[in-house]
N, C-alpha and C. Protein backbone atom coordinates (compact mmCIF):
# COMPACT_ATOMS: atom_id res chain seq x y z
N MET A 1 9.93 4.04 11.31
CA MET A 1 10.19 3.23 10.21
C MET A 1 11.54 2.55 10.33
N ASP A 2 12.23 2.95 11.49
CA ASP A 2 13.53 2.23 11.72
C ASP A 2 13.39 0.67 11.74
N VAL A 3 12.39 0.07 12.31
CA VAL A 3 12.22 -1.25 12.26
C VAL A 3 12.39 -1.82 11.01
N PHE A 4 11.89 -1.29 9.72
CA PHE A 4 11.73 -1.88 8.67
C PHE A 4 13.09 -1.66 7.86
N SER A 5 13.95 -0.90 8.55
CA SER A 5 15.51 -1.04 8.07
C SER A 5 16.27 -2.05 8.89
N LYS A 6 16.18 -2.19 10.20
CA LYS A 6 16.93 -2.98 10.88
C LYS A 6 16.43 -4.34 10.57
N LEU A 7 15.08 -4.72 10.57
CA LEU A 7 14.58 -6.00 10.28
C LEU A 7 14.01 -6.28 9.02
N ALA A 8 14.66 -5.61 7.93
CA ALA A 8 14.23 -5.63 6.49
C ALA A 8 14.27 -7.19 5.96
N LYS A 9 15.23 -7.84 6.29
CA LYS A 9 15.19 -9.17 5.56
C LYS A 9 14.11 -10.18 6.24
N ARG A 10 13.93 -9.95 7.54
CA ARG A 10 12.98 -10.67 8.38
C ARG A 10 11.44 -10.19 7.78
N TYR A 11 11.37 -9.06 7.55
CA TYR A 11 10.09 -8.48 7.08
C TYR A 11 9.77 -9.08 5.56
N ASP A 12 10.93 -9.10 4.64
CA ASP A 12 10.73 -9.47 3.45
C ASP A 12 10.56 -10.99 3.32
N ALA A 13 10.95 -11.74 4.11
CA ALA A 13 10.99 -13.31 4.14
C ALA A 13 9.53 -13.60 4.32
N TRP A 14 8.58 -12.81 4.82
CA TRP A 14 7.04 -13.27 5.09
C TRP A 14 6.48 -13.36 3.61
N TYR A 15 6.92 -12.81 2.81
CA TYR A 15 6.19 -12.75 1.44
C TYR A 15 6.62 -14.07 0.61
N ASP A 16 7.52 -14.92 1.18
CA ASP A 16 7.92 -16.09 0.69
C ASP A 16 7.42 -17.40 1.58
N SER A 17 6.81 -17.00 2.54
CA SER A 17 6.40 -17.92 3.64
C SER A 17 5.13 -18.63 3.16
N GLU A 18 4.82 -19.94 3.78
CA GLU A 18 3.65 -20.68 3.43
C GLU A 18 2.37 -19.69 3.64
N THR A 19 2.40 -18.87 4.69
CA THR A 19 1.27 -18.01 4.88
C THR A 19 1.22 -16.77 3.83
N GLY A 20 2.31 -16.15 4.08
CA GLY A 20 2.58 -14.96 3.19
C GLY A 20 2.25 -14.92 1.82
N ARG A 21 2.82 -15.97 1.06
CA ARG A 21 2.99 -15.96 -0.33
C ARG A 21 1.51 -15.99 -0.97
N PRO A 22 0.57 -16.86 -0.45
CA PRO A 22 -0.84 -16.66 -1.17
C PRO A 22 -1.44 -15.51 -0.84
N LEU A 23 -1.38 -14.88 0.37
CA LEU A 23 -1.82 -13.53 0.59
C LEU A 23 -1.47 -12.53 -0.28
N TYR A 24 -0.14 -12.47 -0.48
CA TYR A 24 0.62 -11.59 -1.29
C TYR A 24 0.18 -11.64 -2.79
N GLU A 25 -0.02 -12.86 -3.30
CA GLU A 25 -0.37 -13.00 -4.69
C GLU A 25 -1.70 -12.69 -4.91
N SER A 26 -2.70 -12.93 -3.84
CA SER A 26 -4.11 -12.41 -3.83
C SER A 26 -3.98 -10.96 -3.90
N GLU A 27 -3.35 -10.24 -3.23
CA GLU A 27 -3.12 -8.81 -3.38
C GLU A 27 -2.75 -8.39 -4.74
N ILE A 28 -1.81 -9.05 -5.43
CA ILE A 28 -1.41 -8.49 -6.59
C ILE A 28 -2.40 -8.83 -7.60
N LEU A 29 -3.33 -9.72 -7.65
CA LEU A 29 -4.25 -10.25 -8.44
C LEU A 29 -5.28 -9.11 -8.38
N CYS A 30 -5.57 -8.58 -7.07
CA CYS A 30 -6.54 -7.57 -6.82
C CYS A 30 -6.06 -6.35 -7.30
N LEU A 31 -4.85 -5.81 -7.19
CA LEU A 31 -4.34 -4.70 -7.65
C LEU A 31 -4.06 -4.51 -9.15
N ARG A 32 -3.77 -5.57 -9.91
CA ARG A 32 -3.28 -5.50 -11.32
C ARG A 32 -4.21 -4.75 -12.07
N PRO A 33 -5.50 -5.04 -12.33
CA PRO A 33 -6.53 -4.52 -13.05
C PRO A 33 -6.49 -2.91 -12.99
N LEU A 34 -6.24 -2.35 -11.76
CA LEU A 34 -6.33 -1.05 -11.33
C LEU A 34 -4.97 -0.50 -11.87
N VAL A 35 -3.96 -0.90 -11.62
CA VAL A 35 -2.76 -0.37 -11.86
C VAL A 35 -2.59 -0.32 -13.58
N ALA A 36 -3.11 -1.04 -14.20
CA ALA A 36 -3.15 -1.15 -15.65
C ALA A 36 -3.82 0.17 -16.08
N GLU A 37 -4.64 0.90 -15.37
CA GLU A 37 -5.55 1.91 -15.65
C GLU A 37 -4.59 3.28 -15.65
N LEU A 38 -3.37 3.05 -14.98
CA LEU A 38 -2.49 4.28 -14.82
C LEU A 38 -1.54 4.59 -15.79
N GLN A 39 -1.11 5.78 -15.96
CA GLN A 39 -0.08 6.10 -17.13
C GLN A 39 1.25 6.10 -16.33
N GLU A 40 2.41 5.63 -17.02
CA GLU A 40 3.60 5.75 -16.34
C GLU A 40 4.22 7.01 -16.63
N PRO A 41 5.20 7.57 -15.59
CA PRO A 41 5.77 6.74 -14.56
C PRO A 41 4.85 6.64 -13.42
N LEU A 42 5.18 5.71 -12.58
CA LEU A 42 4.47 5.55 -11.41
C LEU A 42 5.58 5.67 -10.10
N LEU A 43 4.78 6.07 -9.10
CA LEU A 43 5.57 6.29 -7.84
C LEU A 43 4.90 5.28 -6.92
N GLU A 44 5.74 4.69 -5.97
CA GLU A 44 5.11 3.94 -4.92
C GLU A 44 5.82 4.53 -3.73
N ILE A 45 4.96 4.94 -2.72
CA ILE A 45 5.18 5.67 -1.45
C ILE A 45 5.21 4.40 -0.49
N GLY A 46 6.27 4.33 0.27
CA GLY A 46 6.48 3.39 1.18
C GLY A 46 6.83 2.05 0.32
N THR A 47 7.65 2.09 -0.43
CA THR A 47 7.94 0.71 -1.32
C THR A 47 8.61 -0.26 -0.73
N GLY A 48 9.27 -0.11 0.56
CA GLY A 48 9.88 -1.01 1.26
C GLY A 48 10.92 -1.91 0.59
N THR A 49 10.80 -3.18 0.57
CA THR A 49 11.70 -4.17 -0.26
C THR A 49 11.52 -4.32 -1.43
N GLY A 50 10.37 -3.54 -1.94
CA GLY A 50 10.09 -3.57 -3.60
C GLY A 50 9.37 -4.74 -4.07
N ARG A 51 8.71 -5.47 -3.07
CA ARG A 51 7.66 -6.60 -3.52
C ARG A 51 6.47 -6.21 -4.29
N PHE A 52 6.01 -5.09 -4.13
CA PHE A 52 4.84 -4.77 -4.96
C PHE A 52 5.39 -3.99 -6.30
N ALA A 53 6.29 -3.03 -6.20
CA ALA A 53 6.91 -2.30 -7.25
C ALA A 53 7.48 -3.15 -8.20
N THR A 54 8.09 -4.49 -8.08
CA THR A 54 8.68 -5.25 -8.93
C THR A 54 7.51 -5.95 -9.95
N ARG A 55 6.42 -5.94 -9.43
CA ARG A 55 5.29 -6.59 -10.20
C ARG A 55 4.57 -5.69 -11.20
N PHE A 56 5.08 -4.50 -11.44
CA PHE A 56 4.37 -3.60 -12.19
C PHE A 56 5.76 -2.74 -12.99
N SER A 57 5.46 -2.21 -14.14
CA SER A 57 6.51 -1.55 -14.86
C SER A 57 6.50 -0.13 -14.52
N GLY A 58 7.64 0.56 -14.67
CA GLY A 58 7.97 1.97 -14.48
C GLY A 58 7.66 2.61 -13.17
N VAL A 59 7.94 1.81 -12.29
CA VAL A 59 7.87 2.29 -10.96
C VAL A 59 9.01 2.86 -10.13
N VAL A 60 9.05 4.03 -9.59
CA VAL A 60 10.06 4.69 -8.83
C VAL A 60 9.58 4.41 -7.52
N GLY A 61 10.50 3.88 -6.51
CA GLY A 61 10.09 3.67 -5.09
C GLY A 61 10.70 4.57 -4.07
N ILE A 62 9.81 5.26 -3.20
CA ILE A 62 10.39 5.99 -2.12
C ILE A 62 9.98 5.39 -0.80
N ASP A 63 11.00 5.48 0.10
CA ASP A 63 10.88 4.76 1.48
C ASP A 63 11.82 5.52 2.37
N PRO A 64 11.52 5.51 3.56
CA PRO A 64 12.48 6.24 4.65
C PRO A 64 13.39 5.02 5.27
N ALA A 65 13.28 3.72 5.01
CA ALA A 65 13.93 2.72 5.68
C ALA A 65 15.05 2.36 4.69
N LEU A 66 16.31 2.64 5.07
CA LEU A 66 17.53 2.34 4.00
C LEU A 66 17.65 0.92 3.83
N GLY A 67 17.54 0.14 4.88
CA GLY A 67 17.79 -1.28 4.79
C GLY A 67 16.83 -1.83 3.92
N ALA A 68 15.62 -1.50 3.81
CA ALA A 68 14.47 -2.11 2.96
C ALA A 68 15.08 -1.81 1.57
N LEU A 69 15.40 -0.39 1.32
CA LEU A 69 15.54 -0.03 -0.10
C LEU A 69 16.92 -0.68 -0.73
N LYS A 70 17.79 -1.02 0.09
CA LYS A 70 18.96 -1.75 -0.56
C LYS A 70 18.45 -3.17 -0.98
N ILE A 71 17.44 -3.71 -0.52
CA ILE A 71 16.69 -4.98 -1.08
C ILE A 71 16.03 -4.68 -2.24
N ALA A 72 15.22 -3.51 -2.18
CA ALA A 72 14.38 -3.07 -3.29
C ALA A 72 15.41 -2.79 -4.43
N SER A 73 16.55 -1.94 -4.39
CA SER A 73 17.54 -1.84 -5.28
C SER A 73 18.05 -3.10 -6.05
N MET A 74 18.34 -4.19 -5.36
CA MET A 74 18.79 -5.52 -5.79
C MET A 74 17.69 -6.12 -6.80
N ARG A 75 16.40 -5.58 -6.52
CA ARG A 75 15.23 -6.11 -7.27
C ARG A 75 15.02 -5.34 -8.56
N GLY A 76 15.88 -4.30 -8.81
CA GLY A 76 15.91 -3.56 -9.98
C GLY A 76 15.03 -2.18 -9.72
N ILE A 77 14.58 -2.09 -8.58
CA ILE A 77 13.66 -0.67 -8.32
C ILE A 77 14.75 0.43 -8.30
N SER A 78 14.19 1.65 -8.81
CA SER A 78 14.85 2.87 -8.65
C SER A 78 14.58 3.39 -7.30
N PRO A 79 15.43 3.36 -6.22
CA PRO A 79 15.07 3.73 -4.92
C PRO A 79 15.39 5.25 -4.68
N VAL A 80 14.45 5.74 -3.79
CA VAL A 80 14.74 7.14 -3.35
C VAL A 80 14.28 7.15 -1.93
N LEU A 81 15.32 7.64 -1.07
CA LEU A 81 15.28 7.71 0.17
C LEU A 81 14.64 9.01 0.71
N GLY A 82 13.53 8.96 1.45
CA GLY A 82 12.59 9.82 1.66
C GLY A 82 11.23 9.54 2.26
N VAL A 83 10.40 10.57 2.53
CA VAL A 83 9.05 10.30 3.32
C VAL A 83 8.14 10.81 2.43
N GLY A 84 6.72 10.42 2.54
CA GLY A 84 5.52 10.66 1.75
C GLY A 84 5.10 12.12 2.02
N GLU A 85 5.35 12.46 3.14
CA GLU A 85 4.78 13.90 3.61
C GLU A 85 5.56 14.95 2.74
N THR A 86 6.71 14.76 2.34
CA THR A 86 7.44 15.80 1.70
C THR A 86 8.00 15.20 0.59
N LEU A 87 7.56 14.83 -0.58
CA LEU A 87 7.82 14.11 -1.60
C LEU A 87 8.83 15.04 -2.44
N PRO A 88 10.07 14.49 -2.80
CA PRO A 88 11.33 15.28 -3.42
C PRO A 88 11.05 15.25 -4.98
N PHE A 89 9.85 15.57 -5.26
CA PHE A 89 9.45 15.41 -6.76
C PHE A 89 8.65 16.83 -7.15
N SER A 90 8.77 17.19 -8.42
CA SER A 90 8.14 18.24 -9.11
C SER A 90 6.52 18.04 -9.13
N ASP A 91 5.82 19.19 -9.20
CA ASP A 91 4.46 19.10 -9.37
C ASP A 91 4.28 18.23 -10.70
N GLU A 92 3.04 17.29 -10.59
CA GLU A 92 2.46 16.85 -11.90
C GLU A 92 3.59 15.96 -12.75
N SER A 93 4.25 15.18 -11.82
CA SER A 93 5.60 14.35 -12.43
C SER A 93 5.13 13.03 -12.64
N PHE A 94 4.11 12.51 -12.24
CA PHE A 94 3.87 11.22 -12.15
C PHE A 94 2.37 10.83 -12.83
N GLY A 95 2.24 9.73 -13.44
CA GLY A 95 0.89 9.38 -13.98
C GLY A 95 0.18 8.61 -13.04
N GLY A 96 0.76 7.99 -12.12
CA GLY A 96 0.11 7.24 -10.98
C GLY A 96 0.94 7.14 -9.71
N VAL A 97 0.13 7.01 -8.77
CA VAL A 97 0.94 6.91 -7.41
C VAL A 97 0.18 5.46 -6.68
N LEU A 98 1.20 4.92 -6.10
CA LEU A 98 0.73 3.54 -5.39
C LEU A 98 0.96 3.74 -3.76
N ILE A 99 0.21 3.48 -3.05
CA ILE A 99 0.36 3.58 -1.56
C ILE A 99 -0.32 2.19 -1.19
N ILE A 100 0.56 0.97 -0.97
CA ILE A 100 0.06 -0.13 -0.75
C ILE A 100 0.64 -0.76 0.54
N MET A 101 -0.20 -1.22 1.42
CA MET A 101 0.20 -1.87 2.69
C MET A 101 1.07 -0.66 3.37
N THR A 102 0.83 0.44 3.22
CA THR A 102 1.60 1.54 3.93
C THR A 102 0.70 2.53 4.65
N LEU A 103 -0.54 2.65 4.26
CA LEU A 103 -1.37 3.68 5.12
C LEU A 103 -1.12 3.66 6.52
N CYS A 104 -1.13 2.48 6.98
CA CYS A 104 -1.23 2.22 8.49
C CYS A 104 0.11 2.66 9.09
N PHE A 105 1.21 2.80 8.35
CA PHE A 105 2.36 3.02 8.88
C PHE A 105 2.80 4.61 8.87
N ILE A 106 1.88 5.38 8.29
CA ILE A 106 2.27 6.76 7.97
C ILE A 106 1.53 7.65 9.17
N GLU A 107 2.48 8.43 9.63
CA GLU A 107 2.07 9.27 10.81
C GLU A 107 1.10 10.26 10.50
N LYS A 108 1.31 10.87 9.23
CA LYS A 108 0.14 12.00 8.75
C LYS A 108 -0.32 11.59 7.48
N PRO A 109 -1.25 10.64 7.53
CA PRO A 109 -1.79 10.17 6.11
C PRO A 109 -2.38 11.20 5.14
N ILE A 110 -3.10 12.20 5.76
CA ILE A 110 -3.72 13.13 4.86
C ILE A 110 -2.63 14.00 4.27
N GLU A 111 -1.52 14.35 4.93
CA GLU A 111 -0.47 14.95 4.21
C GLU A 111 0.16 14.23 3.18
N VAL A 112 0.28 13.00 3.21
CA VAL A 112 0.76 12.11 2.24
C VAL A 112 -0.10 12.07 1.08
N LEU A 113 -1.50 11.77 1.28
CA LEU A 113 -2.31 11.94 0.14
C LEU A 113 -2.38 13.26 -0.69
N ARG A 114 -2.28 14.21 0.09
CA ARG A 114 -2.18 15.72 -0.33
C ARG A 114 -0.85 15.75 -1.37
N GLU A 115 0.09 15.24 -0.68
CA GLU A 115 1.58 15.34 -1.55
C GLU A 115 1.35 14.27 -2.83
N SER A 116 0.67 13.37 -2.75
CA SER A 116 0.30 12.48 -3.90
C SER A 116 -0.50 13.32 -4.79
N TRP A 117 -1.47 14.01 -4.46
CA TRP A 117 -2.27 14.77 -5.23
C TRP A 117 -1.34 15.90 -6.03
N ARG A 118 -0.30 16.37 -5.51
CA ARG A 118 0.50 17.54 -6.05
C ARG A 118 1.46 16.93 -7.15
N VAL A 119 1.92 15.56 -6.79
CA VAL A 119 2.98 15.05 -7.87
C VAL A 119 2.07 14.42 -8.87
N LEU A 120 0.90 14.26 -8.78
CA LEU A 120 0.27 13.51 -9.88
C LEU A 120 -0.19 14.57 -11.06
N CYS A 121 0.02 14.05 -12.24
CA CYS A 121 -0.51 14.89 -13.39
C CYS A 121 -2.07 14.87 -13.52
N PRO A 122 -2.52 15.95 -14.00
CA PRO A 122 -3.98 16.08 -14.12
C PRO A 122 -4.70 14.79 -14.72
N GLY A 123 -5.71 14.37 -14.18
CA GLY A 123 -6.42 12.97 -14.59
C GLY A 123 -5.64 11.71 -13.97
N GLY A 124 -4.51 11.97 -13.41
CA GLY A 124 -3.71 10.91 -12.75
C GLY A 124 -4.52 10.18 -11.69
N GLY A 125 -3.99 8.96 -11.50
CA GLY A 125 -4.58 7.98 -10.56
C GLY A 125 -3.90 7.61 -9.33
N LEU A 126 -4.46 7.64 -8.15
CA LEU A 126 -3.67 7.11 -7.01
C LEU A 126 -4.63 5.83 -6.64
N ILE A 127 -3.74 4.63 -6.33
CA ILE A 127 -4.17 3.32 -5.87
C ILE A 127 -3.64 3.31 -4.44
N LEU A 128 -4.81 3.04 -3.65
CA LEU A 128 -4.51 2.76 -2.24
C LEU A 128 -4.81 1.21 -1.85
N GLY A 129 -3.93 0.55 -1.32
CA GLY A 129 -4.22 -0.86 -1.03
C GLY A 129 -4.07 -0.96 0.52
N THR A 130 -5.08 -1.38 1.29
CA THR A 130 -4.96 -1.41 2.66
C THR A 130 -5.87 -2.50 3.22
N VAL A 131 -5.59 -2.78 4.54
CA VAL A 131 -6.18 -3.54 5.44
C VAL A 131 -7.11 -2.93 6.26
N PRO A 132 -8.49 -3.22 6.11
CA PRO A 132 -9.44 -2.26 6.80
C PRO A 132 -9.42 -2.83 8.36
N LYS A 133 -9.61 -1.75 9.12
CA LYS A 133 -9.57 -2.08 10.80
C LYS A 133 -10.59 -3.08 11.20
N ASN A 134 -11.80 -3.04 10.53
CA ASN A 134 -12.95 -3.86 10.96
C ASN A 134 -13.08 -5.05 10.31
N SER A 135 -11.93 -5.59 9.55
CA SER A 135 -11.81 -6.88 8.94
C SER A 135 -11.21 -7.79 9.93
N ASP A 136 -11.41 -9.03 9.69
CA ASP A 136 -10.82 -10.18 10.36
C ASP A 136 -9.14 -10.13 10.39
N LEU A 137 -8.58 -9.71 9.13
CA LEU A 137 -7.36 -9.51 9.20
C LEU A 137 -6.73 -8.24 9.77
N GLY A 138 -7.64 -7.23 9.93
CA GLY A 138 -7.34 -5.99 10.72
C GLY A 138 -7.15 -6.24 12.10
N ALA A 139 -8.24 -7.15 12.62
CA ALA A 139 -8.40 -7.64 13.86
C ALA A 139 -7.07 -8.40 14.41
N LEU A 140 -6.54 -9.19 13.45
CA LEU A 140 -5.31 -10.07 13.80
C LEU A 140 -4.20 -9.06 13.85
N TYR A 141 -4.02 -8.09 12.95
CA TYR A 141 -2.85 -7.00 13.00
C TYR A 141 -3.14 -6.26 14.25
N LEU A 142 -4.40 -5.85 14.55
CA LEU A 142 -4.54 -5.31 15.94
C LEU A 142 -4.02 -5.96 17.06
N LEU A 143 -4.41 -7.01 17.00
CA LEU A 143 -3.89 -8.09 18.22
C LEU A 143 -2.35 -8.16 18.36
N LYS A 144 -1.66 -8.26 17.00
CA LYS A 144 -0.12 -8.20 17.09
C LYS A 144 0.26 -6.83 17.62
N LYS A 145 -0.35 -5.84 17.29
CA LYS A 145 -0.03 -4.43 17.97
C LYS A 145 0.03 -4.53 19.37
N ARG A 146 -0.99 -5.04 19.87
CA ARG A 146 -1.19 -5.16 21.38
C ARG A 146 -0.06 -5.80 22.01
N GLU A 147 0.10 -6.87 21.31
CA GLU A 147 1.45 -7.77 21.67
C GLU A 147 2.61 -7.27 21.57
N GLY A 148 2.91 -6.25 20.97
CA GLY A 148 4.15 -5.61 20.81
C GLY A 148 4.98 -5.98 19.72
N ASP A 149 4.26 -6.68 18.67
CA ASP A 149 4.89 -7.09 17.42
C ASP A 149 5.83 -5.87 16.89
N PRO A 150 6.92 -6.04 16.66
CA PRO A 150 7.79 -4.71 16.20
C PRO A 150 7.38 -4.15 14.76
N PHE A 151 6.67 -4.94 14.06
CA PHE A 151 6.17 -4.39 12.70
C PHE A 151 4.96 -3.66 13.00
N PHE A 152 4.28 -3.88 13.93
CA PHE A 152 2.70 -3.39 14.10
C PHE A 152 2.52 -2.61 15.27
N GLU A 153 3.65 -2.55 16.28
CA GLU A 153 3.31 -1.85 17.37
C GLU A 153 3.00 -0.23 17.23
N LYS A 154 3.51 0.41 16.26
CA LYS A 154 3.33 1.67 15.86
C LYS A 154 2.13 1.90 14.85
N ALA A 155 1.64 0.82 14.25
CA ALA A 155 0.71 0.81 13.23
C ALA A 155 -0.74 1.48 13.70
N GLN A 156 -1.37 2.09 12.65
CA GLN A 156 -2.69 2.59 12.86
C GLN A 156 -3.47 2.24 11.78
N PHE A 157 -4.67 1.53 12.33
CA PHE A 157 -5.56 1.03 11.08
C PHE A 157 -6.74 1.89 11.11
N TYR A 158 -7.51 1.84 10.02
CA TYR A 158 -8.59 2.76 9.71
C TYR A 158 -9.83 2.05 9.11
N THR A 159 -11.19 2.36 9.45
CA THR A 159 -12.20 1.80 8.88
C THR A 159 -12.39 2.25 7.52
N PHE A 160 -13.27 1.77 6.70
CA PHE A 160 -13.47 2.18 5.19
C PHE A 160 -13.93 3.76 5.49
N GLU A 161 -14.85 3.87 6.30
CA GLU A 161 -15.32 5.27 6.38
C GLU A 161 -14.44 6.28 6.76
N GLU A 162 -13.52 5.83 7.55
CA GLU A 162 -12.27 7.01 8.05
C GLU A 162 -11.42 7.19 6.76
N ILE A 163 -11.20 6.02 5.94
CA ILE A 163 -10.62 6.30 4.68
C ILE A 163 -11.06 7.01 3.79
N GLU A 164 -12.52 6.78 3.59
CA GLU A 164 -13.25 7.83 2.70
C GLU A 164 -13.09 9.28 3.10
N ARG A 165 -13.35 9.68 4.30
CA ARG A 165 -13.10 10.90 4.81
C ARG A 165 -11.55 11.58 4.43
N MET A 166 -10.57 10.72 4.67
CA MET A 166 -9.23 11.26 4.29
C MET A 166 -9.10 11.59 2.84
N ILE A 167 -9.76 10.71 1.97
CA ILE A 167 -9.60 10.75 0.53
C ILE A 167 -10.27 11.86 0.17
N LYS A 168 -11.46 12.41 0.86
CA LYS A 168 -12.05 13.46 0.47
C LYS A 168 -11.46 14.80 0.84
N LYS A 169 -10.89 14.85 1.97
CA LYS A 169 -9.99 15.92 2.36
C LYS A 169 -8.79 16.13 1.57
N ALA A 170 -8.39 15.09 1.02
CA ALA A 170 -7.02 15.44 0.33
C ALA A 170 -7.21 15.75 -1.20
N GLY A 171 -8.66 15.85 -1.64
CA GLY A 171 -8.92 16.17 -2.99
C GLY A 171 -8.96 15.12 -4.01
N PHE A 172 -9.32 14.04 -3.49
CA PHE A 172 -9.59 12.67 -4.37
C PHE A 172 -11.07 12.24 -4.46
N LYS A 173 -11.42 11.46 -5.47
CA LYS A 173 -12.71 10.77 -5.39
C LYS A 173 -12.42 9.37 -5.80
N ILE A 174 -13.26 8.49 -5.19
CA ILE A 174 -12.97 6.92 -5.54
C ILE A 174 -13.75 6.73 -6.90
N GLU A 175 -13.01 6.14 -7.85
CA GLU A 175 -13.44 5.59 -9.03
C GLU A 175 -13.84 4.26 -9.16
N LYS A 176 -13.01 3.31 -8.44
CA LYS A 176 -13.22 2.17 -8.52
C LYS A 176 -12.68 1.39 -7.32
N ILE A 177 -13.34 0.25 -6.67
CA ILE A 177 -12.82 -0.51 -5.37
C ILE A 177 -12.84 -1.97 -5.92
N ARG A 178 -11.99 -2.59 -5.51
CA ARG A 178 -11.54 -4.07 -5.59
C ARG A 178 -11.38 -4.73 -4.20
N SER A 179 -11.77 -6.02 -3.87
CA SER A 179 -11.64 -6.49 -2.50
C SER A 179 -11.19 -7.96 -2.75
N THR A 180 -10.48 -8.45 -1.84
CA THR A 180 -9.94 -9.67 -1.73
C THR A 180 -9.61 -10.29 -0.29
N LEU A 181 -9.18 -11.39 0.04
CA LEU A 181 -8.77 -11.90 1.25
C LEU A 181 -10.14 -12.07 2.22
N LEU A 182 -10.93 -12.81 1.83
CA LEU A 182 -12.20 -12.92 2.58
C LEU A 182 -11.85 -14.24 3.47
N GLN A 183 -10.72 -14.86 3.33
CA GLN A 183 -10.50 -16.15 4.15
C GLN A 183 -10.18 -15.63 5.49
N ARG A 184 -10.54 -16.54 6.56
CA ARG A 184 -10.19 -16.23 7.86
C ARG A 184 -8.68 -16.39 8.21
N PRO A 185 -8.07 -15.34 8.96
CA PRO A 185 -6.81 -15.58 9.58
C PRO A 185 -6.64 -16.88 10.33
N GLY A 186 -5.63 -17.63 10.04
CA GLY A 186 -5.41 -18.93 10.90
C GLY A 186 -5.71 -20.13 10.19
N GLU A 187 -6.53 -20.07 9.12
CA GLU A 187 -6.73 -21.05 8.28
C GLU A 187 -5.62 -21.12 7.19
N LYS A 188 -5.50 -22.17 6.49
CA LYS A 188 -4.52 -22.59 5.43
C LYS A 188 -4.72 -21.38 4.35
N SER A 189 -3.48 -20.68 4.18
CA SER A 189 -3.64 -19.52 3.24
C SER A 189 -3.81 -20.05 1.81
N ILE A 190 -4.80 -19.36 0.83
CA ILE A 190 -4.98 -19.71 -0.38
C ILE A 190 -4.86 -18.59 -1.28
N VAL A 191 -4.56 -18.73 -2.53
CA VAL A 191 -4.64 -17.47 -3.51
C VAL A 191 -6.31 -17.24 -3.76
N GLU A 192 -6.78 -16.20 -3.59
CA GLU A 192 -8.09 -15.89 -3.80
C GLU A 192 -8.31 -14.99 -5.08
N LYS A 193 -9.57 -15.36 -5.86
CA LYS A 193 -10.08 -14.32 -6.86
C LYS A 193 -10.39 -12.85 -6.08
N SER A 194 -10.45 -11.92 -6.93
CA SER A 194 -10.91 -10.64 -6.41
C SER A 194 -12.33 -10.26 -6.77
N SER A 195 -12.90 -9.33 -6.03
CA SER A 195 -14.26 -8.87 -6.39
C SER A 195 -14.32 -7.23 -6.82
N ASN A 196 -15.06 -7.19 -7.86
CA ASN A 196 -15.00 -5.65 -8.19
C ASN A 196 -15.95 -4.96 -7.41
N ALA A 197 -15.80 -5.07 -6.27
CA ALA A 197 -16.71 -4.26 -5.28
C ALA A 197 -16.08 -4.29 -3.78
N TYR A 198 -16.54 -3.35 -3.15
CA TYR A 198 -16.21 -3.21 -1.84
C TYR A 198 -17.00 -4.28 -0.92
N LYS A 199 -16.13 -5.11 -0.19
CA LYS A 199 -16.65 -6.31 0.47
C LYS A 199 -16.44 -5.79 2.06
N LYS A 200 -17.31 -5.83 2.89
CA LYS A 200 -16.90 -5.45 4.23
C LYS A 200 -16.12 -6.36 4.97
N THR A 201 -16.15 -7.58 4.67
CA THR A 201 -15.27 -8.61 5.45
C THR A 201 -14.11 -8.87 4.81
N ALA A 202 -13.82 -7.89 3.77
CA ALA A 202 -12.50 -8.50 2.92
C ALA A 202 -11.28 -7.95 3.98
N GLY A 203 -10.08 -8.56 3.74
CA GLY A 203 -8.89 -8.21 4.59
C GLY A 203 -8.07 -7.55 3.86
N PHE A 204 -8.31 -7.13 2.57
CA PHE A 204 -7.51 -6.32 1.77
C PHE A 204 -8.47 -5.56 0.56
N ILE A 205 -8.37 -4.30 0.59
CA ILE A 205 -9.18 -3.65 -0.35
C ILE A 205 -8.13 -2.60 -1.23
N CYS A 206 -8.41 -2.55 -2.46
CA CYS A 206 -7.68 -1.47 -3.15
C CYS A 206 -8.67 -0.62 -3.89
N LEU A 207 -8.30 0.68 -3.78
CA LEU A 207 -9.09 1.78 -4.19
C LEU A 207 -8.35 2.51 -5.52
N LEU A 208 -9.18 2.87 -6.38
CA LEU A 208 -8.58 3.75 -7.63
C LEU A 208 -9.19 4.98 -7.34
N LEU A 209 -8.26 6.11 -6.95
CA LEU A 209 -8.76 7.36 -6.74
C LEU A 209 -8.20 8.33 -7.80
N ARG A 210 -9.06 9.23 -8.38
CA ARG A 210 -8.63 10.34 -9.26
C ARG A 210 -8.57 11.64 -8.57
N ARG A 211 -7.57 12.42 -8.83
CA ARG A 211 -7.58 13.62 -8.35
C ARG A 211 -8.80 14.66 -9.04
N ILE A 212 -9.29 15.44 -7.91
CA ILE A 212 -10.40 16.52 -8.38
C ILE A 212 -9.65 17.62 -8.57
N ASP A 213 -9.67 18.07 -9.75
CA ASP A 213 -9.00 19.33 -10.46
C ASP A 213 -9.91 20.52 -10.35
């Protein structure tokens, strides 16, 4: 995660770029109905520069990248320096957990999901937003990884089926799925509407998970 500290400003600038802004806004539109079903307070694991946390209320953000957290703090996010594998929070202390565009950068994803289960209140929800490995966008990011892009060289992407297995092992069940970014990478980016279903070609999916008690 050190690259996200050293190059935090460069990473953050993508969200305001001609390509990045429409994709980011599409992801927010996809996430918003699911986040609305969660009870505060919320925890975002891998909050980075706070781009997602700032769009929702009552969010505490945790991240190991100090440089990114400094930007998140300037955006009004309550930042916590730490990792998702060992969350510095008590059991059952959050109504919801957000893991958005972070799963691919986590070394031990099942441990992070289990820690999310631990800090969630009974009936609490986890929202997982990610780029599927077998999507066009996933293929683009895998190409960036092979080419040595500093943000993707250590990334690990997963198919939907692999994500399902991790979810089950961590003690969650899928309640709802939404999809967006059906546009092909390389075309002019546009803001897209979302689908209330899993679309195999979607570049971004968000899942509302409930802990199994």
